[in-house]
């Protein structure tokens, strides 16, 4: 990996971890993905943007396999997703075979623009709602 993408990754993730995510998590109607920490076992909540289609919630991870929540999903795919202020149980499926750029065109525009601008190694994730 060249230096520029690594610097971008470190800058964006530091901003999200320290400023963006703590602020967004507090908004009552922000969509949140809750995973279980793969080492700590504690709940980890991450703001995401996506779309609920029937009993499936679709979103695109900015950094694919490098995203902490994708790593958590690989260990334990059971998640909760808060959509429209309501929590749902689900099972998450990282989908590296899906065309993440095409998927972004079907998701909310504002978030999709940010994911394309900030991300590298995009990957689609589908959450099957179970409860």
N, C-alpha and C. Protein backbone atom coordinates (compact mmCIF):
# COMPACT_ATOMS: atom_id res chain seq x y z
N UNK A 1 0.85 -1.18 0.00
CA UNK A 1 0.00 0.00 0.00
C UNK A 1 0.89 1.24 0.00
N UNK A 2 0.61 2.16 -0.88
CA UNK A 2 1.41 3.38 -0.91
C UNK A 2 1.12 4.24 0.31
N UNK A 3 1.95 5.21 0.54
CA UNK A 3 1.84 6.04 1.73
C UNK A 3 0.57 6.88 1.76
N UNK A 4 0.15 7.42 0.62
CA UNK A 4 -1.03 8.29 0.61
C UNK A 4 -2.30 7.57 1.09
N UNK A 5 -2.65 6.40 0.57
CA UNK A 5 -3.86 5.73 1.08
C UNK A 5 -3.76 5.39 2.57
N UNK A 6 -2.59 5.03 3.04
CA UNK A 6 -2.42 4.72 4.46
C UNK A 6 -2.62 5.97 5.32
N UNK A 7 -2.07 7.09 4.88
CA UNK A 7 -2.26 8.35 5.59
C UNK A 7 -3.73 8.75 5.61
N UNK A 8 -4.40 8.59 4.48
CA UNK A 8 -5.84 8.89 4.38
C UNK A 8 -6.61 8.02 5.36
N UNK A 9 -6.32 6.72 5.37
CA UNK A 9 -6.99 5.79 6.27
C UNK A 9 -6.81 6.22 7.73
N UNK A 10 -5.58 6.50 8.12
CA UNK A 10 -5.30 6.87 9.51
C UNK A 10 -5.98 8.19 9.89
N UNK A 11 -5.98 9.15 8.97
CA UNK A 11 -6.59 10.45 9.24
C UNK A 11 -8.11 10.32 9.39
N UNK A 12 -8.73 9.64 8.44
CA UNK A 12 -10.19 9.49 8.47
C UNK A 12 -10.63 8.69 9.69
N UNK A 13 -9.97 7.57 9.96
CA UNK A 13 -10.39 6.75 11.10
C UNK A 13 -10.16 7.47 12.43
N UNK A 14 -9.09 8.25 12.55
CA UNK A 14 -8.86 9.01 13.78
C UNK A 14 -9.96 10.05 13.98
N UNK A 15 -10.33 10.76 12.89
CA UNK A 15 -11.41 11.74 12.98
C UNK A 15 -12.72 11.06 13.38
N UNK A 16 -13.04 9.95 12.72
CA UNK A 16 -14.29 9.25 13.02
C UNK A 16 -14.31 8.76 14.47
N UNK A 17 -13.23 8.18 14.91
CA UNK A 17 -13.17 7.61 16.26
C UNK A 17 -13.29 8.68 17.34
N UNK A 18 -12.63 9.82 17.13
CA UNK A 18 -12.57 10.84 18.18
C UNK A 18 -13.66 11.90 18.10
N UNK A 19 -14.14 12.21 16.89
CA UNK A 19 -15.08 13.33 16.74
C UNK A 19 -16.39 12.90 16.08
N UNK A 20 -16.31 12.39 14.86
CA UNK A 20 -17.52 12.09 14.09
C UNK A 20 -18.45 11.08 14.74
N UNK A 21 -17.94 9.89 15.03
CA UNK A 21 -18.80 8.84 15.59
C UNK A 21 -19.39 9.19 16.95
N UNK A 22 -18.61 9.75 17.90
CA UNK A 22 -19.22 10.11 19.18
C UNK A 22 -20.38 11.11 19.03
N UNK A 23 -20.24 12.05 18.10
CA UNK A 23 -21.33 13.01 17.88
C UNK A 23 -22.53 12.34 17.22
N UNK A 24 -22.30 11.58 16.17
CA UNK A 24 -23.40 10.94 15.44
C UNK A 24 -24.15 9.92 16.28
N UNK A 25 -23.45 9.19 17.13
CA UNK A 25 -24.12 8.19 17.98
C UNK A 25 -25.19 8.80 18.87
N UNK A 26 -25.04 10.09 19.19
CA UNK A 26 -25.98 10.77 20.09
C UNK A 26 -27.27 11.21 19.38
N UNK A 27 -27.26 11.25 18.06
CA UNK A 27 -28.45 11.69 17.33
C UNK A 27 -29.50 10.58 17.38
N UNK A 28 -30.74 10.91 17.81
CA UNK A 28 -31.74 9.87 18.04
C UNK A 28 -32.15 9.08 16.80
N UNK A 29 -32.05 9.65 15.61
CA UNK A 29 -32.47 8.92 14.43
C UNK A 29 -31.32 8.54 13.51
N UNK A 30 -30.09 8.66 14.00
CA UNK A 30 -28.93 8.19 13.24
C UNK A 30 -28.97 6.66 13.22
N UNK A 31 -28.75 6.08 12.06
CA UNK A 31 -28.69 4.62 11.97
C UNK A 31 -27.39 4.15 12.62
N UNK A 32 -27.51 3.17 13.50
CA UNK A 32 -26.35 2.63 14.21
C UNK A 32 -26.26 1.13 13.98
N UNK A 33 -25.05 0.65 13.84
CA UNK A 33 -24.76 -0.78 13.78
C UNK A 33 -24.10 -1.15 15.10
N UNK A 34 -24.64 -2.13 15.80
CA UNK A 34 -24.04 -2.59 17.04
C UNK A 34 -23.49 -4.00 16.83
N UNK A 35 -22.17 -4.11 16.99
CA UNK A 35 -21.49 -5.40 16.91
C UNK A 35 -20.97 -5.74 18.30
N UNK A 36 -20.46 -6.94 18.43
CA UNK A 36 -19.81 -7.35 19.68
C UNK A 36 -18.31 -7.32 19.45
N UNK A 37 -17.61 -6.59 20.31
CA UNK A 37 -16.15 -6.49 20.19
C UNK A 37 -15.51 -7.86 20.19
N UNK A 38 -14.68 -8.14 19.21
CA UNK A 38 -14.10 -9.48 19.05
C UNK A 38 -13.12 -9.83 20.16
N UNK A 39 -12.53 -8.84 20.81
CA UNK A 39 -11.61 -9.10 21.91
C UNK A 39 -12.27 -8.82 23.25
N UNK A 40 -12.96 -7.69 23.35
CA UNK A 40 -13.54 -7.28 24.62
C UNK A 40 -14.87 -7.96 24.94
N UNK A 41 -15.61 -8.32 23.90
CA UNK A 41 -16.95 -8.86 24.11
C UNK A 41 -17.99 -7.79 24.42
N UNK A 42 -17.57 -6.53 24.37
CA UNK A 42 -18.47 -5.41 24.68
C UNK A 42 -19.19 -4.95 23.42
N UNK A 43 -20.39 -4.35 23.59
CA UNK A 43 -21.10 -3.81 22.43
C UNK A 43 -20.35 -2.61 21.86
N UNK A 44 -20.26 -2.56 20.54
CA UNK A 44 -19.60 -1.47 19.82
C UNK A 44 -20.60 -0.88 18.83
N UNK A 45 -20.88 0.40 18.96
CA UNK A 45 -21.87 1.06 18.11
C UNK A 45 -21.19 2.00 17.14
N UNK A 46 -21.54 1.82 15.87
CA UNK A 46 -20.95 2.60 14.79
C UNK A 46 -22.05 3.21 13.94
N UNK A 47 -22.01 4.53 13.71
CA UNK A 47 -22.97 5.13 12.79
C UNK A 47 -22.71 4.63 11.37
N UNK A 48 -23.77 4.26 10.68
CA UNK A 48 -23.68 3.82 9.29
C UNK A 48 -24.79 4.49 8.51
N UNK A 49 -24.63 4.51 7.21
CA UNK A 49 -25.69 5.00 6.32
C UNK A 49 -26.03 3.90 5.36
N UNK A 50 -27.28 3.66 5.18
CA UNK A 50 -27.70 2.61 4.27
C UNK A 50 -29.19 2.68 4.04
N UNK A 51 -29.74 1.54 3.64
CA UNK A 51 -31.17 1.52 3.32
C UNK A 51 -31.76 0.18 3.74
N UNK A 52 -32.94 0.27 4.37
CA UNK A 52 -33.72 -0.90 4.72
C UNK A 52 -34.58 -1.26 3.53
N UNK A 53 -34.44 -2.51 3.06
CA UNK A 53 -35.25 -3.01 1.95
C UNK A 53 -35.93 -4.28 2.43
N UNK A 54 -37.18 -4.17 2.79
CA UNK A 54 -37.88 -5.32 3.35
C UNK A 54 -37.27 -5.72 4.67
N UNK A 55 -36.75 -6.94 4.76
CA UNK A 55 -36.13 -7.44 5.99
C UNK A 55 -34.61 -7.47 5.87
N UNK A 56 -34.07 -6.65 4.97
CA UNK A 56 -32.62 -6.55 4.78
C UNK A 56 -32.19 -5.09 4.88
N UNK A 57 -31.07 -4.86 5.57
CA UNK A 57 -30.48 -3.53 5.62
C UNK A 57 -29.15 -3.60 4.88
N UNK A 58 -28.96 -2.73 3.91
CA UNK A 58 -27.77 -2.71 3.07
C UNK A 58 -26.95 -1.45 3.35
N UNK A 59 -25.63 -1.61 3.45
CA UNK A 59 -24.73 -0.46 3.55
C UNK A 59 -23.37 -0.85 2.99
N UNK A 60 -22.51 0.14 2.83
CA UNK A 60 -21.17 -0.09 2.30
C UNK A 60 -20.14 0.36 3.32
N UNK A 61 -19.23 -0.53 3.65
CA UNK A 61 -18.14 -0.24 4.56
C UNK A 61 -17.06 0.53 3.80
N UNK A 62 -16.62 1.65 4.37
CA UNK A 62 -15.59 2.49 3.73
C UNK A 62 -14.27 1.77 3.52
N UNK A 63 -13.90 0.94 4.48
CA UNK A 63 -12.59 0.30 4.44
C UNK A 63 -12.67 -1.23 4.42
N UNK A 64 -13.80 -1.76 4.04
CA UNK A 64 -13.94 -3.20 3.86
C UNK A 64 -13.41 -4.00 5.03
N UNK A 65 -12.54 -4.93 4.76
CA UNK A 65 -12.00 -5.83 5.78
C UNK A 65 -11.20 -5.10 6.86
N UNK A 66 -10.76 -3.89 6.58
CA UNK A 66 -10.00 -3.13 7.60
C UNK A 66 -10.91 -2.48 8.64
N UNK A 67 -12.19 -2.35 8.34
CA UNK A 67 -13.13 -1.74 9.29
C UNK A 67 -13.25 -2.60 10.53
N UNK A 68 -13.19 -1.95 11.68
CA UNK A 68 -13.27 -2.70 12.94
C UNK A 68 -14.59 -3.47 13.04
N UNK A 69 -15.69 -2.85 12.59
CA UNK A 69 -16.96 -3.56 12.71
C UNK A 69 -17.03 -4.75 11.77
N UNK A 70 -16.37 -4.71 10.62
CA UNK A 70 -16.33 -5.88 9.74
C UNK A 70 -15.52 -6.98 10.41
N UNK A 71 -14.42 -6.63 11.05
CA UNK A 71 -13.63 -7.62 11.78
C UNK A 71 -14.47 -8.27 12.89
N UNK A 72 -15.26 -7.42 13.59
CA UNK A 72 -16.14 -7.95 14.64
C UNK A 72 -17.19 -8.89 14.05
N UNK A 73 -17.76 -8.52 12.91
CA UNK A 73 -18.78 -9.34 12.25
C UNK A 73 -18.20 -10.68 11.84
N UNK A 74 -16.97 -10.70 11.38
CA UNK A 74 -16.33 -11.97 10.98
C UNK A 74 -16.26 -12.95 12.15
N UNK A 75 -16.09 -12.42 13.37
CA UNK A 75 -16.01 -13.27 14.56
C UNK A 75 -17.41 -13.63 15.06
N UNK A 76 -18.33 -12.67 15.06
CA UNK A 76 -19.70 -12.89 15.53
C UNK A 76 -20.65 -12.08 14.65
N UNK A 77 -21.35 -12.72 13.72
CA UNK A 77 -22.20 -11.97 12.79
C UNK A 77 -23.52 -11.49 13.38
N UNK A 78 -23.82 -11.87 14.62
CA UNK A 78 -25.06 -11.38 15.24
C UNK A 78 -24.88 -9.90 15.59
N UNK A 79 -25.79 -9.08 15.11
CA UNK A 79 -25.70 -7.63 15.30
C UNK A 79 -27.07 -7.09 15.69
N UNK A 80 -27.07 -5.82 16.02
CA UNK A 80 -28.31 -5.06 16.13
C UNK A 80 -28.14 -3.85 15.24
N UNK A 81 -29.24 -3.40 14.66
CA UNK A 81 -29.20 -2.21 13.81
C UNK A 81 -30.34 -1.29 14.24
N UNK A 82 -30.03 -0.01 14.44
CA UNK A 82 -31.06 0.97 14.80
C UNK A 82 -31.39 1.76 13.55
N UNK A 83 -32.61 1.62 13.10
CA UNK A 83 -33.09 2.31 11.91
C UNK A 83 -34.34 3.09 12.30
N UNK A 84 -34.36 4.38 12.01
CA UNK A 84 -35.52 5.20 12.35
C UNK A 84 -35.83 5.22 13.83
N UNK A 85 -34.79 5.11 14.66
CA UNK A 85 -34.97 5.15 16.11
C UNK A 85 -35.38 3.82 16.73
N UNK A 86 -35.51 2.76 15.93
CA UNK A 86 -35.96 1.45 16.42
C UNK A 86 -34.86 0.40 16.22
N UNK A 87 -34.60 -0.39 17.27
CA UNK A 87 -33.57 -1.43 17.21
C UNK A 87 -34.13 -2.72 16.64
N UNK A 88 -33.31 -3.39 15.81
CA UNK A 88 -33.66 -4.68 15.22
C UNK A 88 -32.47 -5.63 15.41
N UNK A 89 -32.77 -6.88 15.76
CA UNK A 89 -31.73 -7.91 15.78
C UNK A 89 -31.49 -8.36 14.35
N UNK A 90 -30.26 -8.78 14.06
CA UNK A 90 -29.97 -9.25 12.72
C UNK A 90 -28.70 -10.07 12.65
N UNK A 91 -28.46 -10.57 11.45
CA UNK A 91 -27.23 -11.31 11.15
C UNK A 91 -26.57 -10.61 9.98
N UNK A 92 -25.32 -10.19 10.16
CA UNK A 92 -24.61 -9.42 9.14
C UNK A 92 -23.80 -10.34 8.24
N UNK A 93 -23.76 -9.95 6.96
CA UNK A 93 -23.03 -10.72 5.96
C UNK A 93 -22.15 -9.78 5.14
N UNK A 94 -20.83 -9.75 5.37
CA UNK A 94 -19.95 -9.01 4.46
C UNK A 94 -20.05 -9.66 3.08
N UNK A 95 -20.12 -8.83 2.05
CA UNK A 95 -20.32 -9.34 0.70
C UNK A 95 -19.28 -8.79 -0.26
N UNK A 96 -18.04 -9.29 -0.18
CA UNK A 96 -16.99 -8.77 -1.05
C UNK A 96 -17.27 -9.00 -2.53
N UNK A 97 -18.14 -9.95 -2.86
CA UNK A 97 -18.46 -10.23 -4.26
C UNK A 97 -19.43 -9.21 -4.86
N UNK A 98 -20.11 -8.44 -4.02
CA UNK A 98 -21.06 -7.43 -4.50
C UNK A 98 -20.30 -6.21 -5.02
N UNK A 99 -20.83 -5.55 -6.02
CA UNK A 99 -20.23 -4.33 -6.57
C UNK A 99 -20.60 -3.16 -5.65
N UNK A 100 -19.68 -2.81 -4.74
CA UNK A 100 -19.95 -1.79 -3.73
C UNK A 100 -20.23 -0.43 -4.35
N UNK A 101 -19.54 -0.07 -5.42
CA UNK A 101 -19.78 1.23 -6.07
C UNK A 101 -21.18 1.28 -6.67
N UNK A 102 -21.61 0.20 -7.29
CA UNK A 102 -22.98 0.14 -7.83
C UNK A 102 -23.99 0.18 -6.68
N UNK A 103 -23.70 -0.50 -5.60
CA UNK A 103 -24.59 -0.52 -4.43
C UNK A 103 -24.75 0.89 -3.87
N UNK A 104 -23.67 1.67 -3.83
CA UNK A 104 -23.76 3.04 -3.31
C UNK A 104 -24.75 3.89 -4.10
N UNK A 105 -24.88 3.60 -5.39
CA UNK A 105 -25.84 4.37 -6.21
C UNK A 105 -27.28 4.13 -5.79
N UNK A 106 -27.55 3.03 -5.08
CA UNK A 106 -28.91 2.73 -4.65
C UNK A 106 -29.16 3.14 -3.19
N UNK A 107 -28.15 3.67 -2.53
CA UNK A 107 -28.26 4.05 -1.13
C UNK A 107 -28.38 5.57 -1.00
N UNK A 108 -28.72 6.08 0.19
CA UNK A 108 -28.87 7.53 0.38
C UNK A 108 -27.64 8.30 -0.13
N UNK A 109 -27.92 9.32 -0.91
CA UNK A 109 -26.89 10.06 -1.64
C UNK A 109 -25.82 10.69 -0.75
N UNK A 110 -26.22 11.40 0.30
CA UNK A 110 -25.25 12.12 1.13
C UNK A 110 -24.21 11.15 1.71
N UNK A 111 -24.67 10.06 2.30
CA UNK A 111 -23.74 9.09 2.87
C UNK A 111 -22.90 8.45 1.79
N UNK A 112 -23.50 8.14 0.65
CA UNK A 112 -22.75 7.48 -0.43
C UNK A 112 -21.61 8.35 -0.93
N UNK A 113 -21.85 9.65 -1.04
CA UNK A 113 -20.79 10.56 -1.48
C UNK A 113 -19.65 10.56 -0.47
N UNK A 114 -19.97 10.59 0.81
CA UNK A 114 -18.94 10.58 1.84
C UNK A 114 -18.15 9.27 1.84
N UNK A 115 -18.84 8.15 1.67
CA UNK A 115 -18.16 6.86 1.65
C UNK A 115 -17.20 6.78 0.46
N UNK A 116 -17.67 7.22 -0.71
CA UNK A 116 -16.79 7.20 -1.89
C UNK A 116 -15.59 8.12 -1.70
N UNK A 117 -15.81 9.31 -1.11
CA UNK A 117 -14.73 10.28 -0.95
C UNK A 117 -13.70 9.84 0.09
N UNK A 118 -14.17 9.26 1.18
CA UNK A 118 -13.28 8.94 2.29
C UNK A 118 -12.72 7.53 2.24
N UNK A 119 -13.42 6.64 1.56
CA UNK A 119 -13.08 5.23 1.65
C UNK A 119 -12.07 4.73 0.63
N UNK A 120 -11.61 3.53 0.90
CA UNK A 120 -10.74 2.77 0.01
C UNK A 120 -10.96 1.31 0.38
N UNK A 121 -11.14 0.46 -0.61
CA UNK A 121 -11.43 -0.95 -0.30
C UNK A 121 -12.87 -1.14 0.10
N UNK A 122 -13.79 -0.46 -0.58
CA UNK A 122 -15.21 -0.52 -0.25
C UNK A 122 -15.72 -1.95 -0.27
N UNK A 123 -16.67 -2.24 0.63
CA UNK A 123 -17.30 -3.57 0.65
C UNK A 123 -18.74 -3.45 1.14
N UNK A 124 -19.64 -4.11 0.43
CA UNK A 124 -21.05 -4.15 0.80
C UNK A 124 -21.24 -5.06 2.00
N UNK A 125 -22.17 -4.65 2.88
CA UNK A 125 -22.58 -5.49 4.01
C UNK A 125 -24.11 -5.53 3.99
N UNK A 126 -24.65 -6.75 4.13
CA UNK A 126 -26.10 -6.93 4.23
C UNK A 126 -26.42 -7.46 5.62
N UNK A 127 -27.43 -6.85 6.26
CA UNK A 127 -27.88 -7.34 7.56
C UNK A 127 -29.28 -7.92 7.34
N UNK A 128 -29.42 -9.22 7.62
CA UNK A 128 -30.73 -9.87 7.56
C UNK A 128 -31.41 -9.64 8.90
N UNK A 129 -32.55 -8.95 8.89
CA UNK A 129 -33.27 -8.63 10.12
C UNK A 129 -33.96 -9.90 10.61
N UNK A 130 -33.71 -10.25 11.88
CA UNK A 130 -34.29 -11.46 12.45
C UNK A 130 -35.31 -11.14 13.54
N UNK A 131 -35.30 -9.93 14.05
CA UNK A 131 -36.24 -9.61 15.12
C UNK A 131 -36.56 -8.16 15.15
